[in-house]
């Protein structure tokens, strides 16, 4: 009996120490993903180009992606992004009426010939911007949202900084030259703001229009992006042209739940930009796929030390998808790392272990395994109750 009491005393001491064998239990990490991708075997005849997958943000192909160049009407991707964010934040409605200022009506280039004082709904203004690249509508919307175009441009540059567009500067909401100066972007930065814009499904209600009209059908609109007409799955997004920017295009397309962004800048001809974007998008669809990351087997319950519940169920911290070359997708393997137990308390989402995805010897991704339910730590009274049960029954 004396030996049993000594053992029980030792167990009690262990129960009162919550750090014995403790596994790290801080905030869960974000999934660490290194996509399995090879070197893209494609070339395009434009100076600046990039190919990116929307969901992961993985870059498949790049060519002079960090060299600043004038964007022309590609600028309107950022203009459109701010408009749609205002709508989705509830500060703007598609049915709101916008009054055209003298300054907005004075814009040249692509336009819908708004007159000073003319009113048009946000819906039609946005349609004119996205489908026909209307400069006058862009300025009218900028003024409506921020009071002045200058204030709106400040927001554009702030949003660009938030998106990590470190090499871009906007001078206006249209992309038109300002005297001898023009806005500057890079192919990478255009891909970043395009990716941000197509997260909002609302834009596709406009960017997929081939032909439409405003002013009660009196003024026709034709999409400047030819891919909308003939490329399978095309979802947008924006063309641009000035003498210094030459022919630009940010093209997006979606098939089978995967969407890609192809940006080509400073093409020599209009056809060059469309052919380059078409080649990049076609290459992506033919050679890459998104693979769901899930445990190959059900994760077993994990024992909890000093917990009100004996176990906690580990789950994968999200269900990320990896962009992979199709030929490599079937070659990945997984390993799961979990401790024997975890100390209470356990919070929902607390990191418990790691699922690692391999392709050969290379680590493709590390995904946190987290707690699916909370487990509170037992009280001192409950500790003694456990102790007494062991003392008198021989079991806890």
Foldseek 3Di string as FASTA:
>chain_A
DVVLVVVLVVVLVVLVDQPVVADDWDFDDAWFFAFAADADPDDAPFQWKWKAWQPVRDTRDTHQQQDKFQDFQLLLLLLLLVVVVCCVVVNFDQADKFAFAPVLQPDDDFAQNDDHGDIDGNVVLLLCCWFGVHSSSSQRVCCVVQVGQQRSQVVSVVVLVVLVQVRWHQDGSRSDADVPHTTIGGNSSSQSSNSSSVVDVVQLVRFLDQKDAPPVRPGITGGPQCCSVPPAFWRGGDWRDDPRWHTWDWTWGDDPHIIMTMTGTDDNHNVSRNVRSSVSVVSLVVWKDKAKDADPDQADWAAERQWPDGTFGKGWPDTHIHIHTPVQPVQKDKDWDFDNHHYDFFAANTFGTWIWIDRVPDTRMITTIGTHHTTHGDDPVVSVVQSVCCSPVVHD
